[in-house]
């Protein structure tokens, strides 16, 4: 079974600008989610879906994959989460990587546990 974690991280938040990369206890917020996903060992790939170059750079430095830049038509205030996840999943399928499990992990979840992520994927399996 293959599993992919997708972390949606839009740069244009209106309520809290740049919230995904805001400093939280000395590190960009998104780094916590990326590191937990990687540490869990539950995912074959951790993908960040973003339209923002700075977020992409931070995500890659933290060990995530940013294999595409999210299209503008699913990067605005009216874009739904399912459209973002569908886009990333279809990208995986276009690269002959059809994951059995797709997990959505929010970029603003600094307290997410790698143990919980691992246990969740194990439960699904």
PDB file of N, CA and C in Angstrom:
ATOM      1  N   UNK A   1       0.835  -1.185   0.000  1.00  0.00           N
ATOM      2  CA  UNK A   1       0.000   0.000   0.000  1.00  0.00           C
ATOM      3  C   UNK A   1       0.874   1.240   0.000  1.00  0.00           C
ATOM      4  N   UNK A   2       0.488   2.200  -0.791  1.00  0.00           N
ATOM      5  CA  UNK A   2       1.235   3.456  -0.780  1.00  0.00           C
ATOM      6  C   UNK A   2       0.379   4.551  -0.158  1.00  0.00           C
ATOM      7  N   UNK A   3       1.046   5.434   0.544  1.00  0.00           N
ATOM      8  CA  UNK A   3       0.349   6.522   1.229  1.00  0.00           C
ATOM      9  C   UNK A   3       1.077   7.832   0.955  1.00  0.00           C
ATOM     10  N   UNK A   4       0.295   8.873   0.712  1.00  0.00           N
ATOM     11  CA  UNK A   4       0.824  10.199   0.450  1.00  0.00           C
ATOM     12  C   UNK A   4       0.170  11.176   1.416  1.00  0.00           C
ATOM     13  N   UNK A   5       0.985  12.042   1.998  1.00  0.00           N
ATOM     14  CA  UNK A   5       0.465  13.137   2.817  1.00  0.00           C
ATOM     15  C   UNK A   5       0.478  14.392   1.960  1.00  0.00           C
ATOM     16  N   UNK A   6      -0.640  15.088   1.947  1.00  0.00           N
ATOM     17  CA  UNK A   6      -0.738  16.342   1.210  1.00  0.00           C
ATOM     18  C   UNK A   6      -0.982  17.456   2.223  1.00  0.00           C
ATOM     19  N   UNK A   7      -0.126  18.455   2.175  1.00  0.00           N
ATOM     20  CA  UNK A   7      -0.234  19.599   3.069  1.00  0.00           C
ATOM     21  C   UNK A   7      -0.591  20.818   2.225  1.00  0.00           C
ATOM     22  N   UNK A   8      -1.854  21.257   2.280  1.00  0.00           N
ATOM     23  CA  UNK A   8      -2.238  22.454   1.535  1.00  0.00           C
ATOM     24  C   UNK A   8      -1.726  23.697   2.264  1.00  0.00           C
ATOM     25  N   UNK A   9      -1.087  24.593   1.531  1.00  0.00           N
ATOM     26  CA  UNK A   9      -0.508  25.783   2.163  1.00  0.00           C
ATOM     27  C   UNK A   9      -0.574  26.967   1.197  1.00  0.00           C
ATOM     28  N   UNK A  10      -1.648  27.682   1.280  1.00  0.00           N
ATOM     29  CA  UNK A  10      -1.842  28.839   0.406  1.00  0.00           C
ATOM     30  C   UNK A  10      -1.156  30.054   1.015  1.00  0.00           C
ATOM     31  N   UNK A  11      -0.547  30.860   0.189  1.00  0.00           N
ATOM     32  CA  UNK A  11       0.157  32.042   0.677  1.00  0.00           C
ATOM     33  C   UNK A  11      -0.733  33.244   0.929  1.00  0.00           C
ATOM     34  N   UNK A  12      -1.908  33.253   0.341  1.00  0.00           N
ATOM     35  CA  UNK A  12      -2.730  34.457   0.379  1.00  0.00           C
ATOM     36  C   UNK A  12      -3.822  34.498   1.429  1.00  0.00           C
ATOM     37  N   UNK A  13      -3.564  34.013   2.612  1.00  0.00           N
ATOM     38  CA  UNK A  13      -4.577  34.060   3.663  1.00  0.00           C
ATOM     39  C   UNK A  13      -4.950  35.505   3.984  1.00  0.00           C
ATOM     40  N   UNK A  14      -6.245  35.755   4.140  1.00  0.00           N
ATOM     41  CA  UNK A  14      -6.718  37.113   4.426  1.00  0.00           C
ATOM     42  C   UNK A  14      -6.752  37.401   5.921  1.00  0.00           C
ATOM     43  N   UNK A  15      -7.199  36.433   6.730  1.00  0.00           N
ATOM     44  CA  UNK A  15      -7.337  36.681   8.171  1.00  0.00           C
ATOM     45  C   UNK A  15      -5.997  36.810   8.862  1.00  0.00           C
ATOM     46  N   UNK A  16      -5.090  35.888   8.585  1.00  0.00           N
ATOM     47  CA  UNK A  16      -3.742  35.932   9.166  1.00  0.00           C
ATOM     48  C   UNK A  16      -2.759  35.784   8.008  1.00  0.00           C
ATOM     49  N   UNK A  17      -2.315  36.911   7.454  1.00  0.00           N
ATOM     50  CA  UNK A  17      -1.410  36.842   6.301  1.00  0.00           C
ATOM     51  C   UNK A  17      -0.148  36.019   6.599  1.00  0.00           C
ATOM     52  N   UNK A  18       0.199  35.156   5.645  1.00  0.00           N
ATOM     53  CA  UNK A  18       1.410  34.327   5.702  1.00  0.00           C
ATOM     54  C   UNK A  18       1.406  33.362   6.882  1.00  0.00           C
ATOM     55  N   UNK A  19       0.218  32.974   7.333  1.00  0.00           N
ATOM     56  CA  UNK A  19       0.104  32.152   8.547  1.00  0.00           C
ATOM     57  C   UNK A  19       0.858  30.827   8.449  1.00  0.00           C
ATOM     58  N   UNK A  20       0.932  30.237   7.279  1.00  0.00           N
ATOM     59  CA  UNK A  20       1.589  28.935   7.140  1.00  0.00           C
ATOM     60  C   UNK A  20       3.082  28.979   7.421  1.00  0.00           C
ATOM     61  N   UNK A  21       3.674  30.162   7.274  1.00  0.00           N
ATOM     62  CA  UNK A  21       5.114  30.272   7.529  1.00  0.00           C
ATOM     63  C   UNK A  21       5.414  31.261   8.647  1.00  0.00           C
ATOM     64  N   UNK A  22       4.396  31.645   9.385  1.00  0.00           N
ATOM     65  CA  UNK A  22       4.623  32.502  10.558  1.00  0.00           C
ATOM     66  C   UNK A  22       5.522  31.766  11.543  1.00  0.00           C
ATOM     67  N   UNK A  23       6.364  32.525  12.213  1.00  0.00           N
ATOM     68  CA  UNK A  23       7.237  31.939  13.221  1.00  0.00           C
ATOM     69  C   UNK A  23       6.406  31.449  14.402  1.00  0.00           C
ATOM     70  N   UNK A  24       6.650  30.204  14.801  1.00  0.00           N
ATOM     71  CA  UNK A  24       6.004  29.625  15.975  1.00  0.00           C
ATOM     72  C   UNK A  24       7.095  28.900  16.759  1.00  0.00           C
ATOM     73  N   UNK A  25       7.440  29.450  17.893  1.00  0.00           N
ATOM     74  CA  UNK A  25       8.508  28.873  18.737  1.00  0.00           C
ATOM     75  C   UNK A  25       9.812  28.682  17.957  1.00  0.00           C
ATOM     76  N   UNK A  26      10.124  29.665  17.123  1.00  0.00           N
ATOM     77  CA  UNK A  26      11.412  29.661  16.448  1.00  0.00           C
ATOM     78  C   UNK A  26      11.477  29.005  15.078  1.00  0.00           C
ATOM     79  N   UNK A  27      10.349  28.485  14.607  1.00  0.00           N
ATOM     80  CA  UNK A  27      10.347  27.836  13.287  1.00  0.00           C
ATOM     81  C   UNK A  27       9.071  28.188  12.534  1.00  0.00           C
ATOM     82  N   UNK A  28       9.115  28.128  11.204  1.00  0.00           N
ATOM     83  CA  UNK A  28       7.889  28.358  10.443  1.00  0.00           C
ATOM     84  C   UNK A  28       6.827  27.306  10.800  1.00  0.00           C
ATOM     85  N   UNK A  29       5.600  27.739  10.934  1.00  0.00           N
ATOM     86  CA  UNK A  29       4.503  26.864  11.357  1.00  0.00           C
ATOM     87  C   UNK A  29       4.425  25.566  10.536  1.00  0.00           C
ATOM     88  N   UNK A  30       4.558  25.648   9.227  1.00  0.00           N
ATOM     89  CA  UNK A  30       4.402  24.470   8.362  1.00  0.00           C
ATOM     90  C   UNK A  30       5.446  23.389   8.637  1.00  0.00           C
ATOM     91  N   UNK A  31       6.590  23.766   9.150  1.00  0.00           N
ATOM     92  CA  UNK A  31       7.676  22.810   9.381  1.00  0.00           C
ATOM     93  C   UNK A  31       7.244  21.722  10.373  1.00  0.00           C
ATOM     94  N   UNK A  32       6.442  22.073  11.352  1.00  0.00           N
ATOM     95  CA  UNK A  32       5.987  21.084  12.336  1.00  0.00           C
ATOM     96  C   UNK A  32       5.183  19.963  11.664  1.00  0.00           C
ATOM     97  N   UNK A  33       4.275  20.337  10.773  1.00  0.00           N
ATOM     98  CA  UNK A  33       3.466  19.326  10.073  1.00  0.00           C
ATOM     99  C   UNK A  33       4.318  18.460   9.154  1.00  0.00           C
ATOM    100  N   UNK A  34       5.239  19.087   8.443  1.00  0.00           N
ATOM    101  CA  UNK A  34       6.124  18.342   7.539  1.00  0.00           C
ATOM    102  C   UNK A  34       6.965  17.342   8.326  1.00  0.00           C
ATOM    103  N   UNK A  35       7.594  17.802   9.381  1.00  0.00           N
ATOM    104  CA  UNK A  35       8.464  16.918  10.160  1.00  0.00           C
ATOM    105  C   UNK A  35       7.686  15.780  10.814  1.00  0.00           C
ATOM    106  N   UNK A  36       6.483  16.056  11.297  1.00  0.00           N
ATOM    107  CA  UNK A  36       5.679  14.987  11.903  1.00  0.00           C
ATOM    108  C   UNK A  36       5.322  13.936  10.859  1.00  0.00           C
ATOM    109  N   UNK A  37       4.959  14.374   9.667  1.00  0.00           N
ATOM    110  CA  UNK A  37       4.602  13.430   8.601  1.00  0.00           C
ATOM    111  C   UNK A  37       5.806  12.571   8.214  1.00  0.00           C
ATOM    112  N   UNK A  38       6.964  13.192   8.086  1.00  0.00           N
ATOM    113  CA  UNK A  38       8.170  12.448   7.727  1.00  0.00           C
ATOM    114  C   UNK A  38       8.557  11.480   8.844  1.00  0.00           C
ATOM    115  N   UNK A  39       8.581  11.972  10.077  1.00  0.00           N
ATOM    116  CA  UNK A  39       8.958  11.138  11.233  1.00  0.00           C
ATOM    117  C   UNK A  39       8.018   9.955  11.418  1.00  0.00           C
ATOM    118  N   UNK A  40       6.770  10.100  11.039  1.00  0.00           N
ATOM    119  CA  UNK A  40       5.803   9.015  11.243  1.00  0.00           C
ATOM    120  C   UNK A  40       6.200   7.760  10.478  1.00  0.00           C
ATOM    121  N   UNK A  41       6.875   7.936   9.343  1.00  0.00           N
ATOM    122  CA  UNK A  41       7.244   6.794   8.515  1.00  0.00           C
ATOM    123  C   UNK A  41       6.057   6.165   7.803  1.00  0.00           C
ATOM    124  N   UNK A  42       4.912   6.816   7.891  1.00  0.00           N
ATOM    125  CA  UNK A  42       3.688   6.252   7.328  1.00  0.00           C
ATOM    126  C   UNK A  42       3.464   6.619   5.863  1.00  0.00           C
ATOM    127  N   UNK A  43       4.240   7.581   5.365  1.00  0.00           N
ATOM    128  CA  UNK A  43       3.974   8.101   4.025  1.00  0.00           C
ATOM    129  C   UNK A  43       5.152   7.872   3.093  1.00  0.00           C
ATOM    130  N   UNK A  44       4.831   7.495   1.874  1.00  0.00           N
ATOM    131  CA  UNK A  44       5.853   7.339   0.851  1.00  0.00           C
ATOM    132  C   UNK A  44       6.341   8.700   0.360  1.00  0.00           C
ATOM    133  N   UNK A  45       5.456   9.702   0.463  1.00  0.00           N
ATOM    134  CA  UNK A  45       5.815  11.047   0.037  1.00  0.00           C
ATOM    135  C   UNK A  45       4.992  12.047   0.833  1.00  0.00           C
ATOM    136  N   UNK A  46       5.613  13.165   1.156  1.00  0.00           N
ATOM    137  CA  UNK A  46       4.942  14.283   1.811  1.00  0.00           C
ATOM    138  C   UNK A  46       4.984  15.431   0.810  1.00  0.00           C
ATOM    139  N   UNK A  47       3.815  15.809   0.311  1.00  0.00           N
ATOM    140  CA  UNK A  47       3.700  16.826  -0.733  1.00  0.00           C
ATOM    141  C   UNK A  47       3.070  18.083  -0.146  1.00  0.00           C
ATOM    142  N   UNK A  48       3.671  19.224  -0.422  1.00  0.00           N
ATOM    143  CA  UNK A  48       3.061  20.499  -0.076  1.00  0.00           C
ATOM    144  C   UNK A  48       2.476  21.083  -1.356  1.00  0.00           C
ATOM    145  N   UNK A  49       1.198  21.413  -1.293  1.00  0.00           N
ATOM    146  CA  UNK A  49       0.505  22.024  -2.415  1.00  0.00           C
ATOM    147  C   UNK A  49       0.392  23.521  -2.131  1.00  0.00           C
ATOM    148  N   UNK A  50       1.100  24.321  -2.933  1.00  0.00           N
ATOM    149  CA  UNK A  50       1.108  25.767  -2.716  1.00  0.00           C
ATOM    150  C   UNK A  50       1.270  26.501  -4.035  1.00  0.00           C
ATOM    151  N   UNK A  51       0.870  27.760  -4.019  1.00  0.00           N
ATOM    152  CA  UNK A  51       1.097  28.640  -5.160  1.00  0.00           C
ATOM    153  C   UNK A  51       2.178  29.661  -4.844  1.00  0.00           C
ATOM    154  N   UNK A  52       2.777  29.543  -3.674  1.00  0.00           N
ATOM    155  CA  UNK A  52       3.667  30.554  -3.121  1.00  0.00           C
ATOM    156  C   UNK A  52       5.120  30.072  -3.120  1.00  0.00           C
ATOM    157  N   UNK A  53       5.998  30.815  -3.770  1.00  0.00           N
ATOM    158  CA  UNK A  53       7.408  30.408  -3.894  1.00  0.00           C
ATOM    159  C   UNK A  53       8.116  30.336  -2.545  1.00  0.00           C
ATOM    160  N   UNK A  54       7.833  31.254  -1.640  1.00  0.00           N
ATOM    161  CA  UNK A  54       8.501  31.236  -0.337  1.00  0.00           C
ATOM    162  C   UNK A  54       8.066  30.026   0.488  1.00  0.00           C
ATOM    163  N   UNK A  55       6.780  29.714   0.460  1.00  0.00           N
ATOM    164  CA  UNK A  55       6.293  28.518   1.155  1.00  0.00           C
ATOM    165  C   UNK A  55       6.937  27.276   0.555  1.00  0.00           C
ATOM    166  N   UNK A  56       7.013  27.216  -0.765  1.00  0.00           N
ATOM    167  CA  UNK A  56       7.637  26.063  -1.438  1.00  0.00           C
ATOM    168  C   UNK A  56       9.080  25.891  -1.000  1.00  0.00           C
ATOM    169  N   UNK A  57       9.825  26.979  -0.913  1.00  0.00           N
ATOM    170  CA  UNK A  57      11.229  26.907  -0.513  1.00  0.00           C
ATOM    171  C   UNK A  57      11.378  26.400   0.927  1.00  0.00           C
ATOM    172  N   UNK A  58      10.563  26.926   1.824  1.00  0.00           N
ATOM    173  CA  UNK A  58      10.607  26.498   3.229  1.00  0.00           C
ATOM    174  C   UNK A  58      10.225  25.022   3.333  1.00  0.00           C
ATOM    175  N   UNK A  59       9.196  24.621   2.598  1.00  0.00           N
ATOM    176  CA  UNK A  59       8.737  23.224   2.633  1.00  0.00           C
ATOM    177  C   UNK A  59       9.817  22.270   2.151  1.00  0.00           C
ATOM    178  N   UNK A  60      10.481  22.621   1.061  1.00  0.00           N
ATOM    179  CA  UNK A  60      11.539  21.762   0.532  1.00  0.00           C
ATOM    180  C   UNK A  60      12.718  21.670   1.500  1.00  0.00           C
ATOM    181  N   UNK A  61      13.076  22.771   2.125  1.00  0.00           N
ATOM    182  CA  UNK A  61      14.172  22.747   3.102  1.00  0.00           C
ATOM    183  C   UNK A  61      13.826  21.856   4.295  1.00  0.00           C
ATOM    184  N   UNK A  62      12.532  21.757   4.608  1.00  0.00           N
ATOM    185  CA  UNK A  62      12.092  20.918   5.731  1.00  0.00           C
ATOM    186  C   UNK A  62      11.965  19.454   5.337  1.00  0.00           C
ATOM    187  N   UNK A  63      12.128  19.147   4.046  1.00  0.00           N
ATOM    188  CA  UNK A  63      12.108  17.755   3.604  1.00  0.00           C
ATOM    189  C   UNK A  63      10.892  17.331   2.819  1.00  0.00           C
ATOM    190  N   UNK A  64       9.952  18.242   2.597  1.00  0.00           N
ATOM    191  CA  UNK A  64       8.756  17.907   1.812  1.00  0.00           C
ATOM    192  C   UNK A  64       9.063  18.026   0.325  1.00  0.00           C
ATOM    193  N   UNK A  65       8.191  17.441  -0.449  1.00  0.00           N
ATOM    194  CA  UNK A  65       8.260  17.556  -1.898  1.00  0.00           C
ATOM    195  C   UNK A  65       7.286  18.655  -2.328  1.00  0.00           C
ATOM    196  N   UNK A  66       7.726  19.497  -3.249  1.00  0.00           N
ATOM    197  CA  UNK A  66       6.844  20.494  -3.862  1.00  0.00           C
ATOM    198  C   UNK A  66       6.983  20.298  -5.366  1.00  0.00           C
ATOM    199  N   UNK A  67       6.343  19.243  -5.884  1.00  0.00           N
ATOM    200  CA  UNK A  67       6.576  18.855  -7.274  1.00  0.00           C
ATOM    201  C   UNK A  67       5.824  19.687  -8.305  1.00  0.00           C
ATOM    202  N   UNK A  68       4.948  20.576  -7.844  1.00  0.00           N
ATOM    203  CA  UNK A  68       4.177  21.426  -8.746  1.00  0.00           C
ATOM    204  C   UNK A  68       3.807  22.701  -7.999  1.00  0.00           C
ATOM    205  N   UNK A  69       3.488  23.720  -8.761  1.00  0.00           N
ATOM    206  CA  UNK A  69       2.931  24.947  -8.194  1.00  0.00           C
ATOM    207  C   UNK A  69       1.430  24.886  -8.433  1.00  0.00           C
ATOM    208  N   UNK A  70       0.679  25.069  -7.352  1.00  0.00           N
ATOM    209  CA  UNK A  70      -0.770  24.947  -7.457  1.00  0.00           C
ATOM    210  C   UNK A  70      -1.337  26.005  -8.414  1.00  0.00           C
ATOM    211  N   UNK A  71      -2.231  25.594  -9.306  1.00  0.00           N
ATOM    212  CA  UNK A  71      -2.822  26.538 -10.263  1.00  0.00           C
ATOM    213  C   UNK A  71      -3.633  27.632  -9.560  1.00  0.00           C
ATOM    214  N   UNK A  72      -3.667  28.793 -10.177  1.00  0.00           N
ATOM    215  CA  UNK A  72      -4.357  29.938  -9.583  1.00  0.00           C
ATOM    216  C   UNK A  72      -5.852  29.703  -9.411  1.00  0.00           C
ATOM    217  N   UNK A  73      -6.453  28.873 -10.268  1.00  0.00           N
ATOM    218  CA  UNK A  73      -7.893  28.655 -10.160  1.00  0.00           C
ATOM    219  C   UNK A  73      -8.296  27.864  -8.918  1.00  0.00           C
ATOM    220  N   UNK A  74      -7.340  27.273  -8.208  1.00  0.00           N
ATOM    221  CA  UNK A  74      -7.634  26.604  -6.928  1.00  0.00           C
ATOM    222  C   UNK A  74      -6.744  27.166  -5.820  1.00  0.00           C
ATOM    223  N   UNK A  75      -6.422  28.456  -5.948  1.00  0.00           N
ATOM    224  CA  UNK A  75      -5.542  29.092  -4.969  1.00  0.00           C
ATOM    225  C   UNK A  75      -6.119  30.385  -4.402  1.00  0.00           C
ATOM    226  N   UNK A  76      -7.411  30.567  -4.528  1.00  0.00           N
ATOM    227  CA  UNK A  76      -7.991  31.805  -4.009  1.00  0.00           C
ATOM    228  C   UNK A  76      -8.888  31.539  -2.803  1.00  0.00           C
ATOM    229  N   UNK A  77      -9.524  32.578  -2.316  1.00  0.00           N
ATOM    230  CA  UNK A  77     -10.377  32.480  -1.124  1.00  0.00           C
ATOM    231  C   UNK A  77     -11.572  31.551  -1.299  1.00  0.00           C
ATOM    232  N   UNK A  78     -11.936  31.282  -2.527  1.00  0.00           N
ATOM    233  CA  UNK A  78     -13.136  30.481  -2.792  1.00  0.00           C
ATOM    234  C   UNK A  78     -12.820  29.036  -3.161  1.00  0.00           C
ATOM    235  N   UNK A  79     -11.561  28.691  -3.161  1.00  0.00           N
ATOM    236  CA  UNK A  79     -11.153  27.332  -3.520  1.00  0.00           C
ATOM    237  C   UNK A  79     -11.421  26.384  -2.360  1.00  0.00           C
ATOM    238  N   UNK A  80     -11.983  25.235  -2.692  1.00  0.00           N
ATOM    239  CA  UNK A  80     -12.275  24.239  -1.666  1.00  0.00           C
ATOM    240  C   UNK A  80     -11.120  23.269  -1.459  1.00  0.00           C
ATOM    241  N   UNK A  81     -11.074  22.719  -0.276  1.00  0.00           N
ATOM    242  CA  UNK A  81     -10.036  21.749   0.066  1.00  0.00           C
ATOM    243  C   UNK A  81     -10.067  20.541  -0.865  1.00  0.00           C
ATOM    244  N   UNK A  82     -11.253  20.073  -1.188  1.00  0.00           N
ATOM    245  CA  UNK A  82     -11.353  18.890  -2.046  1.00  0.00           C
ATOM    246  C   UNK A  82     -10.758  19.144  -3.427  1.00  0.00           C
ATOM    247  N   UNK A  83     -10.893  20.362  -3.943  1.00  0.00           N
ATOM    248  CA  UNK A  83     -10.283  20.685  -5.235  1.00  0.00           C
ATOM    249  C   UNK A  83      -8.756  20.605  -5.154  1.00  0.00           C
ATOM    250  N   UNK A  84      -8.201  21.075  -4.045  1.00  0.00           N
ATOM    251  CA  UNK A  84      -6.756  21.046  -3.841  1.00  0.00           C
ATOM    252  C   UNK A  84      -6.264  19.610  -3.714  1.00  0.00           C
ATOM    253  N   UNK A  85      -6.964  18.802  -2.931  1.00  0.00           N
ATOM    254  CA  UNK A  85      -6.581  17.399  -2.751  1.00  0.00           C
ATOM    255  C   UNK A  85      -6.740  16.615  -4.054  1.00  0.00           C
ATOM    256  N   UNK A  86      -7.812  16.886  -4.779  1.00  0.00           N
ATOM    257  CA  UNK A  86      -8.030  16.221  -6.065  1.00  0.00           C
ATOM    258  C   UNK A  86      -6.897  16.556  -7.032  1.00  0.00           C
ATOM    259  N   UNK A  87      -6.515  17.821  -7.094  1.00  0.00           N
ATOM    260  CA  UNK A  87      -5.430  18.246  -7.982  1.00  0.00           C
ATOM    261  C   UNK A  87      -4.137  17.500  -7.652  1.00  0.00           C
ATOM    262  N   UNK A  88      -3.781  17.447  -6.377  1.00  0.00           N
ATOM    263  CA  UNK A  88      -2.541  16.773  -5.965  1.00  0.00           C
ATOM    264  C   UNK A  88      -2.609  15.273  -6.242  1.00  0.00           C
ATOM    265  N   UNK A  89      -3.750  14.674  -5.974  1.00  0.00           N
ATOM    266  CA  UNK A  89      -3.910  13.239  -6.214  1.00  0.00           C
ATOM    267  C   UNK A  89      -3.829  12.931  -7.713  1.00  0.00           C
ATOM    268  N   UNK A  90      -4.470  13.758  -8.522  1.00  0.00           N
ATOM    269  CA  UNK A  90      -4.401  13.560  -9.972  1.00  0.00           C
ATOM    270  C   UNK A  90      -2.976  13.766 -10.483  1.00  0.00           C
ATOM    271  N   UNK A  91      -2.231  14.676  -9.863  1.00  0.00           N
ATOM    272  CA  UNK A  91      -0.830  14.846 -10.239  1.00  0.00           C
ATOM    273  C   UNK A  91      -0.067  13.551  -9.959  1.00  0.00           C
ATOM    274  N   UNK A  92      -0.289  12.967  -8.785  1.00  0.00           N
ATOM    275  CA  UNK A  92       0.371  11.692  -8.448  1.00  0.00           C
ATOM    276  C   UNK A  92       0.026  10.626  -9.482  1.00  0.00           C
ATOM    277  N   UNK A  93      -1.244  10.534  -9.825  1.00  0.00           N
ATOM    278  CA  UNK A  93      -1.682   9.532 -10.796  1.00  0.00           C
ATOM    279  C   UNK A  93      -1.045   9.763 -12.162  1.00  0.00           C
ATOM    280  N   UNK A  94      -0.841  11.023 -12.527  1.00  0.00           N
ATOM    281  CA  UNK A  94      -0.221  11.324 -13.822  1.00  0.00           C
ATOM    282  C   UNK A  94       1.247  10.908 -13.858  1.00  0.00           C
ATOM    283  N   UNK A  95       1.832  10.713 -12.700  1.00  0.00           N
ATOM    284  CA  UNK A  95       3.223  10.278 -12.602  1.00  0.00           C
ATOM    285  C   UNK A  95       3.308   8.788 -12.288  1.00  0.00           C
ATOM    286  N   UNK A  96       2.242   8.056 -12.584  1.00  0.00           N
ATOM    287  CA  UNK A  96       2.168   6.609 -12.350  1.00  0.00           C
ATOM    288  C   UNK A  96       2.356   6.240 -10.886  1.00  0.00           C
ATOM    289  N   UNK A  97       1.916   7.117 -10.017  1.00  0.00           N
ATOM    290  CA  UNK A  97       1.960   6.864  -8.583  1.00  0.00           C
ATOM    291  C   UNK A  97       0.556   7.080  -8.047  1.00  0.00           C
ATOM    292  N   UNK A  98      -0.199   6.013  -8.002  1.00  0.00           N
ATOM    293  CA  UNK A  98      -1.585   6.114  -7.560  1.00  0.00           C
ATOM    294  C   UNK A  98      -1.671   5.659  -6.104  1.00  0.00           C
ATOM    295  N   UNK A  99      -1.641   6.613  -5.162  1.00  0.00           N
ATOM    296  CA  UNK A  99      -1.625   6.230  -3.750  1.00  0.00           C
ATOM    297  C   UNK A  99      -2.917   5.558  -3.314  1.00  0.00           C
ATOM    298  N   UNK A 100      -2.774   4.589  -2.416  1.00  0.00           N
ATOM    299  CA  UNK A 100      -3.940   3.928  -1.832  1.00  0.00           C
ATOM    300  C   UNK A 100      -4.548   4.787  -0.729  1.00  0.00           C
ATOM    301  N   UNK A 101      -3.689   5.546  -0.061  1.00  0.00           N
ATOM    302  CA  UNK A 101      -4.121   6.417   1.027  1.00  0.00           C
ATOM    303  C   UNK A 101      -3.627   7.818   0.747  1.00  0.00           C
ATOM    304  N   UNK A 102      -4.544   8.782   0.849  1.00  0.00           N
ATOM    305  CA  UNK A 102      -4.199  10.196   0.741  1.00  0.00           C
ATOM    306  C   UNK A 102      -4.619  10.849   2.048  1.00  0.00           C
ATOM    307  N   UNK A 103      -3.653  11.397   2.750  1.00  0.00           N
ATOM    308  CA  UNK A 103      -3.930  12.061   4.021  1.00  0.00           C
ATOM    309  C   UNK A 103      -3.737  13.559   3.855  1.00  0.00           C
ATOM    310  N   UNK A 104      -4.662  14.317   4.393  1.00  0.00           N
ATOM    311  CA  UNK A 104      -4.553  15.765   4.399  1.00  0.00           C
ATOM    312  C   UNK A 104      -4.071  16.186   5.783  1.00  0.00           C
ATOM    313  N   UNK A 105      -2.979  16.911   5.801  1.00  0.00           N
ATOM    314  CA  UNK A 105      -2.431  17.424   7.060  1.00  0.00           C
ATOM    315  C   UNK A 105      -2.371  18.940   6.930  1.00  0.00           C
ATOM    316  N   UNK A 106      -2.976  19.633   7.859  1.00  0.00           N
ATOM    317  CA  UNK A 106      -2.974  21.089   7.784  1.00  0.00           C
ATOM    318  C   UNK A 106      -1.607  21.662   8.130  1.00  0.00           C
ATOM    319  N   UNK A 107      -1.243  22.727   7.437  1.00  0.00           N
ATOM    320  CA  UNK A 107       0.048  23.382   7.651  1.00  0.00           C
ATOM    321  C   UNK A 107       0.116  24.073   9.003  1.00  0.00           C
ATOM    322  N   UNK A 108      -1.032  24.369   9.557  1.00  0.00           N
ATOM    323  CA  UNK A 108      -1.093  25.094  10.830  1.00  0.00           C
ATOM    324  C   UNK A 108      -1.479  24.152  11.963  1.00  0.00           C
ATOM    325  N   UNK A 109      -0.776  23.036  12.058  1.00  0.00           N
ATOM    326  CA  UNK A 109      -1.031  22.033  13.104  1.00  0.00           C
ATOM    327  C   UNK A 109       0.283  21.696  13.815  1.00  0.00           C
ATOM    328  N   UNK A 110       0.835  22.654  14.559  1.00  0.00           N
ATOM    329  CA  UNK A 110       2.156  22.417  15.141  1.00  0.00           C
ATOM    330  C   UNK A 110       2.198  21.329  16.217  1.00  0.00           C
ATOM    331  N   UNK A 111       1.045  20.925  16.725  1.00  0.00           N
ATOM    332  CA  UNK A 111       1.033  19.914  17.777  1.00  0.00           C
ATOM    333  C   UNK A 111       0.677  18.523  17.262  1.00  0.00           C
ATOM    334  N   UNK A 112       0.646  18.376  15.939  1.00  0.00           N
ATOM    335  CA  UNK A 112       0.331  17.070  15.370  1.00  0.00           C
ATOM    336  C   UNK A 112       1.457  16.087  15.724  1.00  0.00           C
ATOM    337  N   UNK A 113       1.069  14.880  16.006  1.00  0.00           N
ATOM    338  CA  UNK A 113       2.019  13.875  16.478  1.00  0.00           C
ATOM    339  C   UNK A 113       2.336  12.861  15.382  1.00  0.00           C
ATOM    340  N   UNK A 114       3.606  12.572  15.228  1.00  0.00           N
ATOM    341  CA  UNK A 114       4.000  11.543  14.255  1.00  0.00           C
ATOM    342  C   UNK A 114       3.433  10.184  14.665  1.00  0.00           C
ATOM    343  N   UNK A 115       3.343   9.938  15.958  1.00  0.00           N
ATOM    344  CA  UNK A 115       2.747   8.677  16.436  1.00  0.00           C
ATOM    345  C   UNK A 115       1.279   8.580  16.045  1.00  0.00           C
ATOM    346  N   UNK A 116       0.543   9.671  16.187  1.00  0.00           N
ATOM    347  CA  UNK A 116      -0.873   9.675  15.791  1.00  0.00           C
ATOM    348  C   UNK A 116      -1.040   9.474  14.294  1.00  0.00           C
ATOM    349  N   UNK A 117      -0.174  10.110  13.508  1.00  0.00           N
ATOM    350  CA  UNK A 117      -0.245   9.927  12.057  1.00  0.00           C
ATOM    351  C   UNK A 117       0.028   8.483  11.683  1.00  0.00           C
ATOM    352  N   UNK A 118       1.062   7.910  12.264  1.00  0.00           N
ATOM    353  CA  UNK A 118       1.401   6.516  11.999  1.00  0.00           C
ATOM    354  C   UNK A 118       0.254   5.583  12.405  1.00  0.00           C
ATOM    355  N   UNK A 119      -0.301   5.797  13.591  1.00  0.00           N
ATOM    356  CA  UNK A 119      -1.399   4.955  14.066  1.00  0.00           C
ATOM    357  C   UNK A 119      -2.623   5.095  13.167  1.00  0.00           C
ATOM    358  N   UNK A 120      -2.876   6.281  12.663  1.00  0.00           N
ATOM    359  CA  UNK A 120      -4.031   6.486  11.780  1.00  0.00           C
ATOM    360  C   UNK A 120      -3.880   5.716  10.479  1.00  0.00           C
ATOM    361  N   UNK A 121      -2.695   5.772   9.893  1.00  0.00           N
ATOM    362  CA  UNK A 121      -2.469   5.038   8.640  1.00  0.00           C
ATOM    363  C   UNK A 121      -2.522   3.533   8.895  1.00  0.00           C
ATOM    364  N   UNK A 122      -1.972   3.088  10.009  1.00  0.00           N
ATOM    365  CA  UNK A 122      -2.032   1.670  10.358  1.00  0.00           C
ATOM    366  C   UNK A 122      -3.475   1.219  10.512  1.00  0.00           C
ATOM    367  N   UNK A 123      -4.297   2.053  11.131  1.00  0.00           N
ATOM    368  CA  UNK A 123      -5.715   1.725  11.304  1.00  0.00           C
ATOM    369  C   UNK A 123      -6.412   1.603   9.949  1.00  0.00           C
ATOM    370  N   UNK A 124      -6.098   2.505   9.038  1.00  0.00           N
ATOM    371  CA  UNK A 124      -6.683   2.430   7.696  1.00  0.00           C
ATOM    372  C   UNK A 124      -6.248   1.153   6.976  1.00  0.00           C
ATOM    373  N   UNK A 125      -4.983   0.798   7.133  1.00  0.00           N
ATOM    374  CA  UNK A 125      -4.488  -0.425   6.500  1.00  0.00           C
ATOM    375  C   UNK A 125      -5.182  -1.637   7.073  1.00  0.00           C
TER     376      UNK A 125
END
